[in-house]
Protein backbone atom coordinates (compact mmCIF):
# COMPACT_ATOMS: atom_id res chain seq x y z
CA UNK A 1 -9.35 32.38 4.46
CA UNK A 2 -7.51 28.93 5.08
CA UNK A 3 -6.80 26.29 2.62
CA UNK A 4 -7.30 22.65 3.46
CA UNK A 5 -4.35 20.90 2.21
CA UNK A 6 -4.11 17.18 1.88
CA UNK A 7 -1.52 16.21 4.52
CA UNK A 8 -2.09 12.51 4.40
CA UNK A 9 1.33 10.68 4.82
CA UNK A 10 2.42 8.69 1.84
CA UNK A 11 2.89 4.84 2.48
CA UNK A 12 5.82 3.39 0.83
CA UNK A 13 7.47 -0.01 0.91
CA UNK A 14 11.26 -0.54 1.13
CA UNK A 15 12.45 -4.04 0.48
CA UNK A 16 16.10 -5.41 1.53
CA UNK A 17 17.98 -8.42 0.16
CA UNK A 18 21.26 -10.05 0.95
CA UNK A 19 22.77 -11.84 -1.95
CA UNK A 20 25.00 -14.24 -0.33
CA UNK A 21 23.69 -17.62 0.13
CA UNK A 22 21.27 -17.50 -2.74
CA UNK A 23 21.34 -18.92 -6.13
CA UNK A 24 20.60 -16.59 -9.07
CA UNK A 25 17.25 -18.06 -9.76
CA UNK A 26 16.35 -17.42 -5.91
CA UNK A 27 17.63 -13.96 -6.12
CA UNK A 28 15.93 -12.82 -9.22
CA UNK A 29 12.69 -14.54 -8.48
CA UNK A 30 12.54 -13.04 -4.92
CA UNK A 31 12.91 -9.71 -6.52
CA UNK A 32 10.19 -10.34 -9.10
CA UNK A 33 7.77 -11.96 -6.85
CA UNK A 34 7.91 -9.06 -4.22
CA UNK A 35 7.18 -6.52 -7.01
CA UNK A 36 10.43 -4.62 -6.56
CA UNK A 37 10.88 -1.94 -9.25
CA UNK A 38 14.54 -0.90 -8.71
CA UNK A 39 17.50 -2.48 -6.97
CA UNK A 40 19.63 0.00 -4.96
CA UNK A 41 22.94 -1.41 -4.42
CA UNK A 42 24.42 -0.20 -1.28
CA UNK A 43 27.54 -2.26 -1.07
CA UNK A 44 30.70 -0.31 -0.64
CA UNK A 45 32.41 -2.69 -2.91
CA UNK A 46 30.07 -4.00 -5.59
CA UNK A 47 32.69 -5.98 -7.57
CA UNK A 48 34.19 -8.05 -5.29
CA UNK A 49 31.23 -10.45 -4.38
CA UNK A 50 31.48 -14.31 -4.60
CA UNK A 51 28.47 -14.61 -6.71
CA UNK A 52 29.20 -13.41 -10.19
CA UNK A 53 25.76 -12.56 -11.15
CA UNK A 54 25.80 -9.65 -8.28
CA UNK A 55 29.03 -8.04 -9.63
CA UNK A 56 28.33 -4.46 -10.98
CA UNK A 57 29.48 -5.60 -14.47
CA UNK A 58 26.61 -8.10 -14.83
CA UNK A 59 23.98 -6.93 -12.14
CA UNK A 60 22.34 -3.83 -14.15
CA UNK A 61 21.77 -5.99 -17.41
CA UNK A 62 20.58 -9.02 -15.57
CA UNK A 63 18.05 -7.30 -13.36
CA UNK A 64 16.60 -5.54 -16.30
CA UNK A 65 16.58 -8.65 -18.53
CA UNK A 66 15.35 -11.13 -15.97
CA UNK A 67 13.22 -9.03 -13.69
CA UNK A 68 12.51 -5.79 -15.32
CA UNK A 69 13.95 -4.12 -12.54
CA UNK A 70 16.32 -0.94 -12.63
CA UNK A 71 19.54 -0.56 -10.94
CA UNK A 72 21.49 2.14 -8.86
CA UNK A 73 24.56 1.96 -6.89
CA UNK A 74 24.56 4.43 -3.73
CA UNK A 75 27.88 3.85 -1.88
CA UNK A 76 26.92 6.76 0.50
CA UNK A 77 24.66 4.22 2.18
CA UNK A 78 27.43 1.72 2.50
CA UNK A 79 29.91 1.83 5.56
CA UNK A 80 33.23 3.55 5.00
CA UNK A 81 36.35 1.34 4.32
CA UNK A 82 37.24 1.77 8.41
CA UNK A 83 34.04 0.44 9.44
CA UNK A 84 33.89 -2.36 6.87
CA UNK A 85 37.29 -3.65 7.39
CA UNK A 86 37.17 -3.56 11.12
CA UNK A 87 33.74 -5.31 11.07
CA UNK A 88 35.00 -8.05 8.66
CA UNK A 89 38.20 -8.56 10.92
CA UNK A 90 35.91 -8.58 14.03
CA UNK A 91 34.66 -12.09 13.11
CA UNK A 92 37.94 -13.36 15.24
CA UNK A 93 37.88 -10.62 17.77
CA UNK A 94 35.85 -8.96 20.57
CA UNK A 95 34.01 -6.48 18.34
CA UNK A 96 30.33 -7.03 18.39
CA UNK A 97 27.45 -5.64 16.52
CA UNK A 98 26.72 -2.90 19.02
CA UNK A 99 30.14 -1.51 18.19
CA UNK A 100 29.02 -1.64 14.23
CA UNK A 101 25.77 0.22 14.97
CA UNK A 102 27.62 2.76 17.13
CA UNK A 103 29.94 3.53 14.30
CA UNK A 104 27.77 3.30 11.18
CA UNK A 105 24.56 5.12 12.49
CA UNK A 106 26.51 8.33 13.02
CA UNK A 107 28.10 8.05 9.55
CA UNK A 108 24.70 7.96 8.06
CA UNK A 109 23.66 11.00 10.33
CA UNK A 110 27.06 12.73 9.11
CA UNK A 111 26.34 12.21 5.38
CA UNK A 112 22.42 13.16 5.86
CA UNK A 113 21.36 10.24 3.78
CA UNK A 114 17.67 11.13 4.25
CA UNK A 115 18.42 14.09 2.01
CA UNK A 116 20.18 12.04 -0.68
CA UNK A 117 17.19 10.06 -1.67
CA UNK A 118 13.42 10.90 -1.87
CA UNK A 119 11.34 8.51 0.03
CA UNK A 120 8.98 8.27 -3.12
CA UNK A 121 12.20 7.10 -5.03
CA UNK A 122 12.64 4.18 -2.67
CA UNK A 123 8.92 3.00 -2.72
CA UNK A 124 9.21 -0.53 -4.13
CA UNK A 125 12.86 -0.25 -4.24
CA UNK A 126 15.23 -2.93 -2.81
CA UNK A 127 18.32 -2.18 -0.85
CA UNK A 128 21.02 -4.73 -1.75
CA UNK A 129 23.77 -5.96 0.60
CA UNK A 130 25.80 -9.39 0.46
CA UNK A 131 24.76 -10.43 4.11
CA UNK A 132 22.19 -13.04 3.87
CA UNK A 133 20.24 -12.17 6.99
CA UNK A 134 19.13 -8.59 7.76
CA UNK A 135 19.79 -8.65 11.62
CA UNK A 136 23.50 -7.85 11.52
CA UNK A 137 23.47 -6.11 8.23
CA UNK A 138 23.69 -2.31 7.38
CA UNK A 139 20.78 -2.69 4.93
CA UNK A 140 18.47 -3.03 8.05
CA UNK A 141 20.02 0.02 9.53
CA UNK A 142 19.65 2.18 6.59
CA UNK A 143 16.13 1.17 6.09
CA UNK A 144 15.17 1.70 9.72
CA UNK A 145 17.06 5.02 9.68
CA UNK A 146 15.23 6.29 6.81
CA UNK A 147 12.11 5.06 8.24
CA UNK A 148 12.50 7.19 11.33
CA UNK A 149 13.75 10.29 9.42
CA UNK A 150 10.81 10.06 6.96
CA UNK A 151 8.18 9.40 9.51
CA UNK A 152 6.73 12.74 9.59
CA UNK A 153 5.93 12.36 5.72
CA UNK A 154 5.72 8.84 5.07
CA UNK A 155 4.78 5.48 6.58
CA UNK A 156 7.42 3.15 5.82
CA UNK A 157 7.03 -0.53 5.52
CA UNK A 158 10.10 -2.57 5.51
CA UNK A 159 10.26 -5.94 4.04
CA UNK A 160 13.36 -8.16 4.20
CA UNK A 161 13.20 -10.66 1.31
C-alpha cells in the first residue's frame, strides 16, 4: 500500500537590502512596507559601517522598536577577509566582478551554507549588506545560491528592496 504524501514545494520570499545611500527613514520604511520579519546581517564587519543606525550595537534594537523585525548576524554568509579586502582594493585595479564571483561562490559551497539555515527560516527574511545596489553585491549571490540549492524543496522568490 502506498501513501500519498504532500510533495508540494513551499514558496518562500527572500528580500535583500543594502544600507549605504539610505537614510534611516528609508531603510526602516522599506523593511516595514515589504513585510520583512527578520533581518539577516551578512556583513563580515557589522560595526564599521558609515550609517550609525546599521552598526550592530544599534541595529537589533532599532529593527525591533521601529519595524517589529528580528535580527541575526550570520558572518558565514559573508566573504572572508581575503576576498573582501581584495575586492575593496580592486576599485583601483584590474579585478572585476567575475573575479569576486569566482572566489565567493566556491566559499559558499565550501561552507555548505544551504545547511546552515533552513529555507523556512528565511521566508520573509531580508539579507542585509552595505552595497546600495544588488548587482555587484554578495547578498545577491547568497540569495541566488540558496535559491538554486533549495530548488527541489522550495520555490524561492528574491526581492531586492
